[in-house]
Amino acid sequence: MIDIDYEKLSKLAIEAKDMAYSPYSSFCVGAALLAKSGEIYTGCNIESASYTPTICAERVALCKAVSEGEREFVAIAVAGSLKNAEPNYCYPCGVCRQSLREFAIDNLIVIISKTATDYRIHSLGELFPHSFGPDDLQAT
């Protein structure tokens, strides 16, 4: 198991938040996903005028990682707030929780970052109990 630098992941998520494209909601989110390999993939939310194609920061980071061959993850930090507002705790939406569940089991660490040093730590299982995942499609 690799060491998790919570402050580093939080800092990277906050930096990724600054790259968000959110002209409609003005809500900016950043994520930093730590793969089992030790690589970190960042993402920001990207909105669309037609809303449906909008993608969350967590899924951008996940797509970047998977497209580079990663399949196992250790932790993800998430930071979000309205533009020019005080930082607050921002939790992944249900779609992001399901997307993370595709590649991670209940023990994925989810860091909810208000600042680089002020964060909450949860497991994916805690945030998404009784989830449906690849193992549910296996014959018994």
Foldseek 3Di string as FASTA:
>chain_A
DDDDLLLVQLAQFVVQQVVEADPDQQKKKKKWWAFPVRDIFMFIWYADPVGPVTDHGLVVRVVVQVVVPTQGTAEMEMWMDHPPDQTDFDDDDPVSLLVVVQRYPQARWYWGHSHSPDIDIDTSCVVQPPDDYPVVPDDD
